[in-house]
């Protein structure tokens, strides 16, 4: 069964709109039917859906996510 709860990651190395675009593209590809939101000033990425896939996609995009909830 897929984890469909909302998971939030702290992504401290996300620092600009290019980072937001890269993470957005990675999440859209890995989880095409999931909703996500990105808070650049807070360095937070919230994802609805498979947390493990989301974390892997963020890492593959070159960032270091840390699960906070």
PDB file of N, CA and C in Angstrom:
ATOM      1  N   UNK A   1       0.833  -1.188   0.000  1.00  0.00           N
ATOM      2  CA  UNK A   1       0.000   0.000   0.000  1.00  0.00           C
ATOM      3  C   UNK A   1       0.875   1.248   0.000  1.00  0.00           C
ATOM      4  N   UNK A   2       0.509   2.231  -0.791  1.00  0.00           N
ATOM      5  CA  UNK A   2       1.276   3.455  -0.906  1.00  0.00           C
ATOM      6  C   UNK A   2       0.947   4.399   0.246  1.00  0.00           C
ATOM      7  N   UNK A   3       1.975   5.058   0.768  1.00  0.00           N
ATOM      8  CA  UNK A   3       1.800   6.043   1.828  1.00  0.00           C
ATOM      9  C   UNK A   3       1.231   7.308   1.192  1.00  0.00           C
ATOM     10  N   UNK A   4      -0.007   7.672   1.539  1.00  0.00           N
ATOM     11  CA  UNK A   4      -0.640   8.820   0.894  1.00  0.00           C
ATOM     12  C   UNK A   4      -0.745  10.029   1.814  1.00  0.00           C
ATOM     13  N   UNK A   5      -0.114   9.985   2.964  1.00  0.00           N
ATOM     14  CA  UNK A   5      -0.169  11.144   3.839  1.00  0.00           C
ATOM     15  C   UNK A   5       0.774  12.238   3.327  1.00  0.00           C
ATOM     16  N   UNK A   6       0.626  13.423   3.895  1.00  0.00           N
ATOM     17  CA  UNK A   6       1.492  14.542   3.525  1.00  0.00           C
ATOM     18  C   UNK A   6       2.772  14.459   4.340  1.00  0.00           C
ATOM     19  N   UNK A   7       3.893  14.541   3.649  1.00  0.00           N
ATOM     20  CA  UNK A   7       5.203  14.508   4.277  1.00  0.00           C
ATOM     21  C   UNK A   7       5.918  15.812   3.958  1.00  0.00           C
ATOM     22  N   UNK A   8       6.589  16.369   4.953  1.00  0.00           N
ATOM     23  CA  UNK A   8       7.342  17.602   4.756  1.00  0.00           C
ATOM     24  C   UNK A   8       8.825  17.315   4.924  1.00  0.00           C
ATOM     25  N   UNK A   9       9.597  17.859   4.002  1.00  0.00           N
ATOM     26  CA  UNK A   9      11.050  17.732   4.035  1.00  0.00           C
ATOM     27  C   UNK A   9      11.663  19.110   4.189  1.00  0.00           C
ATOM     28  N   UNK A  10      12.700  19.199   4.988  1.00  0.00           N
ATOM     29  CA  UNK A  10      13.536  20.389   5.035  1.00  0.00           C
ATOM     30  C   UNK A  10      14.632  20.170   3.996  1.00  0.00           C
ATOM     31  N   UNK A  11      14.797  21.154   3.116  1.00  0.00           N
ATOM     32  CA  UNK A  11      15.823  21.044   2.072  1.00  0.00           C
ATOM     33  C   UNK A  11      16.700  22.293   2.201  1.00  0.00           C
ATOM     34  N   UNK A  12      17.668  22.235   3.114  1.00  0.00           N
ATOM     35  CA  UNK A  12      18.490  23.395   3.458  1.00  0.00           C
ATOM     36  C   UNK A  12      19.279  23.937   2.272  1.00  0.00           C
ATOM     37  N   UNK A  13      19.647  23.054   1.325  1.00  0.00           N
ATOM     38  CA  UNK A  13      20.444  23.501   0.186  1.00  0.00           C
ATOM     39  C   UNK A  13      19.594  23.995  -0.985  1.00  0.00           C
ATOM     40  N   UNK A  14      18.289  24.170  -0.786  1.00  0.00           N
ATOM     41  CA  UNK A  14      17.396  24.766  -1.787  1.00  0.00           C
ATOM     42  C   UNK A  14      17.437  26.278  -1.556  1.00  0.00           C
ATOM     43  N   UNK A  15      18.064  27.011  -2.470  1.00  0.00           N
ATOM     44  CA  UNK A  15      18.325  28.424  -2.193  1.00  0.00           C
ATOM     45  C   UNK A  15      17.795  29.413  -3.223  1.00  0.00           C
ATOM     46  N   UNK A  16      17.248  28.940  -4.343  1.00  0.00           N
ATOM     47  CA  UNK A  16      16.824  29.882  -5.380  1.00  0.00           C
ATOM     48  C   UNK A  16      15.694  29.277  -6.218  1.00  0.00           C
ATOM     49  N   UNK A  17      15.175  30.070  -7.127  1.00  0.00           N
ATOM     50  CA  UNK A  17      14.081  29.593  -7.976  1.00  0.00           C
ATOM     51  C   UNK A  17      14.522  28.463  -8.904  1.00  0.00           C
ATOM     52  N   UNK A  18      15.785  28.422  -9.270  1.00  0.00           N
ATOM     53  CA  UNK A  18      16.281  27.301 -10.072  1.00  0.00           C
ATOM     54  C   UNK A  18      16.151  26.004  -9.273  1.00  0.00           C
ATOM     55  N   UNK A  19      16.465  26.065  -7.992  1.00  0.00           N
ATOM     56  CA  UNK A  19      16.319  24.897  -7.119  1.00  0.00           C
ATOM     57  C   UNK A  19      14.856  24.452  -7.069  1.00  0.00           C
ATOM     58  N   UNK A  20      13.949  25.416  -6.914  1.00  0.00           N
ATOM     59  CA  UNK A  20      12.521  25.118  -6.866  1.00  0.00           C
ATOM     60  C   UNK A  20      12.088  24.431  -8.157  1.00  0.00           C
ATOM     61  N   UNK A  21      12.551  24.952  -9.297  1.00  0.00           N
ATOM     62  CA  UNK A  21      12.192  24.372 -10.589  1.00  0.00           C
ATOM     63  C   UNK A  21      12.730  22.953 -10.725  1.00  0.00           C
ATOM     64  N   UNK A  22      13.955  22.727 -10.282  1.00  0.00           N
ATOM     65  CA  UNK A  22      14.561  21.397 -10.385  1.00  0.00           C
ATOM     66  C   UNK A  22      13.819  20.387  -9.508  1.00  0.00           C
ATOM     67  N   UNK A  23      13.493  20.781  -8.293  1.00  0.00           N
ATOM     68  CA  UNK A  23      12.777  19.884  -7.383  1.00  0.00           C
ATOM     69  C   UNK A  23      11.354  19.650  -7.888  1.00  0.00           C
ATOM     70  N   UNK A  24      10.710  20.701  -8.379  1.00  0.00           N
ATOM     71  CA  UNK A  24       9.352  20.558  -8.931  1.00  0.00           C
ATOM     72  C   UNK A  24       9.334  19.567 -10.084  1.00  0.00           C
ATOM     73  N   UNK A  25      10.288  19.686 -10.995  1.00  0.00           N
ATOM     74  CA  UNK A  25      10.345  18.784 -12.143  1.00  0.00           C
ATOM     75  C   UNK A  25      10.593  17.346 -11.690  1.00  0.00           C
ATOM     76  N   UNK A  26      11.473  17.172 -10.723  1.00  0.00           N
ATOM     77  CA  UNK A  26      11.785  15.829 -10.230  1.00  0.00           C
ATOM     78  C   UNK A  26      10.563  15.196  -9.571  1.00  0.00           C
ATOM     79  N   UNK A  27       9.843  15.972  -8.765  1.00  0.00           N
ATOM     80  CA  UNK A  27       8.650  15.440  -8.096  1.00  0.00           C
ATOM     81  C   UNK A  27       7.535  15.157  -9.090  1.00  0.00           C
ATOM     82  N   UNK A  28       7.350  16.038 -10.064  1.00  0.00           N
ATOM     83  CA  UNK A  28       6.305  15.837 -11.069  1.00  0.00           C
ATOM     84  C   UNK A  28       6.561  14.574 -11.879  1.00  0.00           C
ATOM     85  N   UNK A  29       7.824  14.274 -12.134  1.00  0.00           N
ATOM     86  CA  UNK A  29       8.163  13.061 -12.883  1.00  0.00           C
ATOM     87  C   UNK A  29       8.007  11.812 -12.020  1.00  0.00           C
ATOM     88  N   UNK A  30       8.477  11.878 -10.773  1.00  0.00           N
ATOM     89  CA  UNK A  30       8.440  10.702  -9.906  1.00  0.00           C
ATOM     90  C   UNK A  30       7.041  10.397  -9.375  1.00  0.00           C
ATOM     91  N   UNK A  31       6.257  11.446  -9.137  1.00  0.00           N
ATOM     92  CA  UNK A  31       4.919  11.292  -8.549  1.00  0.00           C
ATOM     93  C   UNK A  31       3.922  12.129  -9.348  1.00  0.00           C
ATOM     94  N   UNK A  32       3.626  11.726 -10.577  1.00  0.00           N
ATOM     95  CA  UNK A  32       2.814  12.563 -11.473  1.00  0.00           C
ATOM     96  C   UNK A  32       1.409  12.870 -10.976  1.00  0.00           C
ATOM     97  N   UNK A  33       0.839  12.044 -10.119  1.00  0.00           N
ATOM     98  CA  UNK A  33      -0.525  12.273  -9.650  1.00  0.00           C
ATOM     99  C   UNK A  33      -0.580  12.841  -8.229  1.00  0.00           C
ATOM    100  N   UNK A  34       0.574  13.216  -7.689  1.00  0.00           N
ATOM    101  CA  UNK A  34       0.620  13.723  -6.324  1.00  0.00           C
ATOM    102  C   UNK A  34       0.725  15.241  -6.297  1.00  0.00           C
ATOM    103  N   UNK A  35       0.172  15.813  -5.233  1.00  0.00           N
ATOM    104  CA  UNK A  35       0.291  17.255  -5.034  1.00  0.00           C
ATOM    105  C   UNK A  35       1.508  17.528  -4.173  1.00  0.00           C
ATOM    106  N   UNK A  36       2.155  18.659  -4.441  1.00  0.00           N
ATOM    107  CA  UNK A  36       3.276  19.074  -3.603  1.00  0.00           C
ATOM    108  C   UNK A  36       3.309  20.590  -3.554  1.00  0.00           C
ATOM    109  N   UNK A  37       3.941  21.117  -2.523  1.00  0.00           N
ATOM    110  CA  UNK A  37       4.132  22.552  -2.405  1.00  0.00           C
ATOM    111  C   UNK A  37       5.555  22.804  -1.943  1.00  0.00           C
ATOM    112  N   UNK A  38       6.084  23.948  -2.366  1.00  0.00           N
ATOM    113  CA  UNK A  38       7.463  24.285  -2.041  1.00  0.00           C
ATOM    114  C   UNK A  38       7.488  25.685  -1.431  1.00  0.00           C
ATOM    115  N   UNK A  39       8.103  25.784  -0.254  1.00  0.00           N
ATOM    116  CA  UNK A  39       8.268  27.048   0.463  1.00  0.00           C
ATOM    117  C   UNK A  39       9.754  27.390   0.429  1.00  0.00           C
ATOM    118  N   UNK A  40      10.143  28.198  -0.552  1.00  0.00           N
ATOM    119  CA  UNK A  40      11.562  28.526  -0.721  1.00  0.00           C
ATOM    120  C   UNK A  40      12.135  29.241   0.500  1.00  0.00           C
ATOM    121  N   UNK A  41      11.490  30.312   1.015  1.00  0.00           N
ATOM    122  CA  UNK A  41      12.078  30.991   2.184  1.00  0.00           C
ATOM    123  C   UNK A  41      12.232  30.078   3.395  1.00  0.00           C
ATOM    124  N   UNK A  42      11.303  29.143   3.566  1.00  0.00           N
ATOM    125  CA  UNK A  42      11.368  28.212   4.695  1.00  0.00           C
ATOM    126  C   UNK A  42      12.181  26.967   4.414  1.00  0.00           C
ATOM    127  N   UNK A  43      12.624  26.798   3.148  1.00  0.00           N
ATOM    128  CA  UNK A  43      13.395  25.615   2.730  1.00  0.00           C
ATOM    129  C   UNK A  43      12.611  24.327   2.985  1.00  0.00           C
ATOM    130  N   UNK A  44      11.286  24.367   2.704  1.00  0.00           N
ATOM    131  CA  UNK A  44      10.429  23.219   2.960  1.00  0.00           C
ATOM    132  C   UNK A  44       9.756  22.738   1.686  1.00  0.00           C
ATOM    133  N   UNK A  45       9.651  21.428   1.572  1.00  0.00           N
ATOM    134  CA  UNK A  45       8.926  20.789   0.477  1.00  0.00           C
ATOM    135  C   UNK A  45       7.921  19.834   1.110  1.00  0.00           C
ATOM    136  N   UNK A  46       6.641  20.026   0.807  1.00  0.00           N
ATOM    137  CA  UNK A  46       5.585  19.152   1.317  1.00  0.00           C
ATOM    138  C   UNK A  46       5.018  18.358   0.156  1.00  0.00           C
ATOM    139  N   UNK A  47       4.886  17.056   0.373  1.00  0.00           N
ATOM    140  CA  UNK A  47       4.460  16.159  -0.696  1.00  0.00           C
ATOM    141  C   UNK A  47       3.332  15.266  -0.196  1.00  0.00           C
ATOM    142  N   UNK A  48       2.314  15.126  -1.020  1.00  0.00           N
ATOM    143  CA  UNK A  48       1.223  14.199  -0.746  1.00  0.00           C
ATOM    144  C   UNK A  48       1.510  12.950  -1.572  1.00  0.00           C
ATOM    145  N   UNK A  49       1.676  11.818  -0.910  1.00  0.00           N
ATOM    146  CA  UNK A  49       1.948  10.597  -1.653  1.00  0.00           C
ATOM    147  C   UNK A  49       3.107   9.826  -1.059  1.00  0.00           C
ATOM    148  N   UNK A  50       3.757   9.069  -1.887  1.00  0.00           N
ATOM    149  CA  UNK A  50       4.820   8.160  -1.471  1.00  0.00           C
ATOM    150  C   UNK A  50       6.054   8.946  -1.021  1.00  0.00           C
ATOM    151  N   UNK A  51       6.266   8.999   0.288  1.00  0.00           N
ATOM    152  CA  UNK A  51       7.363   9.782   0.856  1.00  0.00           C
ATOM    153  C   UNK A  51       8.728   9.278   0.400  1.00  0.00           C
ATOM    154  N   UNK A  52       8.886   7.965   0.306  1.00  0.00           N
ATOM    155  CA  UNK A  52      10.174   7.403  -0.111  1.00  0.00           C
ATOM    156  C   UNK A  52      10.506   7.798  -1.542  1.00  0.00           C
ATOM    157  N   UNK A  53       9.508   7.750  -2.432  1.00  0.00           N
ATOM    158  CA  UNK A  53       9.736   8.166  -3.822  1.00  0.00           C
ATOM    159  C   UNK A  53      10.051   9.653  -3.896  1.00  0.00           C
ATOM    160  N   UNK A  54       9.351  10.444  -3.097  1.00  0.00           N
ATOM    161  CA  UNK A  54       9.586  11.890  -3.091  1.00  0.00           C
ATOM    162  C   UNK A  54      11.001  12.193  -2.618  1.00  0.00           C
ATOM    163  N   UNK A  55      11.404  11.553  -1.545  1.00  0.00           N
ATOM    164  CA  UNK A  55      12.753  11.776  -1.014  1.00  0.00           C
ATOM    165  C   UNK A  55      13.812  11.379  -2.042  1.00  0.00           C
ATOM    166  N   UNK A  56      13.611  10.244  -2.686  1.00  0.00           N
ATOM    167  CA  UNK A  56      14.557   9.788  -3.705  1.00  0.00           C
ATOM    168  C   UNK A  56      14.620  10.762  -4.880  1.00  0.00           C
ATOM    169  N   UNK A  57      13.465  11.294  -5.282  1.00  0.00           N
ATOM    170  CA  UNK A  57      13.434  12.240  -6.406  1.00  0.00           C
ATOM    171  C   UNK A  57      14.175  13.522  -6.061  1.00  0.00           C
ATOM    172  N   UNK A  58      13.992  14.022  -4.841  1.00  0.00           N
ATOM    173  CA  UNK A  58      14.687  15.237  -4.419  1.00  0.00           C
ATOM    174  C   UNK A  58      16.193  14.985  -4.389  1.00  0.00           C
ATOM    175  N   UNK A  59      16.592  13.840  -3.871  1.00  0.00           N
ATOM    176  CA  UNK A  59      18.029  13.491  -3.836  1.00  0.00           C
ATOM    177  C   UNK A  59      18.597  13.364  -5.259  1.00  0.00           C
ATOM    178  N   UNK A  60      17.833  12.727  -6.129  1.00  0.00           N
ATOM    179  CA  UNK A  60      18.286  12.556  -7.509  1.00  0.00           C
ATOM    180  C   UNK A  60      18.451  13.904  -8.213  1.00  0.00           C
ATOM    181  N   UNK A  61      17.658  14.890  -7.803  1.00  0.00           N
ATOM    182  CA  UNK A  61      17.766  16.236  -8.373  1.00  0.00           C
ATOM    183  C   UNK A  61      18.991  16.976  -7.821  1.00  0.00           C
ATOM    184  N   UNK A  62      19.662  16.391  -6.827  1.00  0.00           N
ATOM    185  CA  UNK A  62      20.902  16.969  -6.321  1.00  0.00           C
ATOM    186  C   UNK A  62      20.793  17.666  -4.981  1.00  0.00           C
ATOM    187  N   UNK A  63      19.718  17.398  -4.244  1.00  0.00           N
ATOM    188  CA  UNK A  63      19.495  18.081  -2.968  1.00  0.00           C
ATOM    189  C   UNK A  63      19.447  17.076  -1.835  1.00  0.00           C
ATOM    190  N   UNK A  64      19.580  17.587  -0.599  1.00  0.00           N
ATOM    191  CA  UNK A  64      19.624  16.745   0.579  1.00  0.00           C
ATOM    192  C   UNK A  64      18.384  16.972   1.446  1.00  0.00           C
ATOM    193  N   UNK A  65      17.295  16.258   1.164  1.00  0.00           N
ATOM    194  CA  UNK A  65      16.089  16.412   1.974  1.00  0.00           C
ATOM    195  C   UNK A  65      16.230  15.739   3.339  1.00  0.00           C
ATOM    196  N   UNK A  66      15.602  16.352   4.337  1.00  0.00           N
ATOM    197  CA  UNK A  66      15.547  15.763   5.679  1.00  0.00           C
ATOM    198  C   UNK A  66      14.076  15.770   6.093  1.00  0.00           C
ATOM    199  N   UNK A  67      13.531  14.603   6.355  1.00  0.00           N
ATOM    200  CA  UNK A  67      12.112  14.485   6.699  1.00  0.00           C
ATOM    201  C   UNK A  67      11.853  15.145   8.037  1.00  0.00           C
ATOM    202  N   UNK A  68      10.883  16.072   8.077  1.00  0.00           N
ATOM    203  CA  UNK A  68      10.546  16.747   9.335  1.00  0.00           C
ATOM    204  C   UNK A  68       9.153  16.367   9.827  1.00  0.00           C
ATOM    205  N   UNK A  69       8.297  15.863   8.949  1.00  0.00           N
ATOM    206  CA  UNK A  69       6.978  15.385   9.385  1.00  0.00           C
ATOM    207  C   UNK A  69       6.371  14.481   8.322  1.00  0.00           C
TER     208      UNK A  69
END
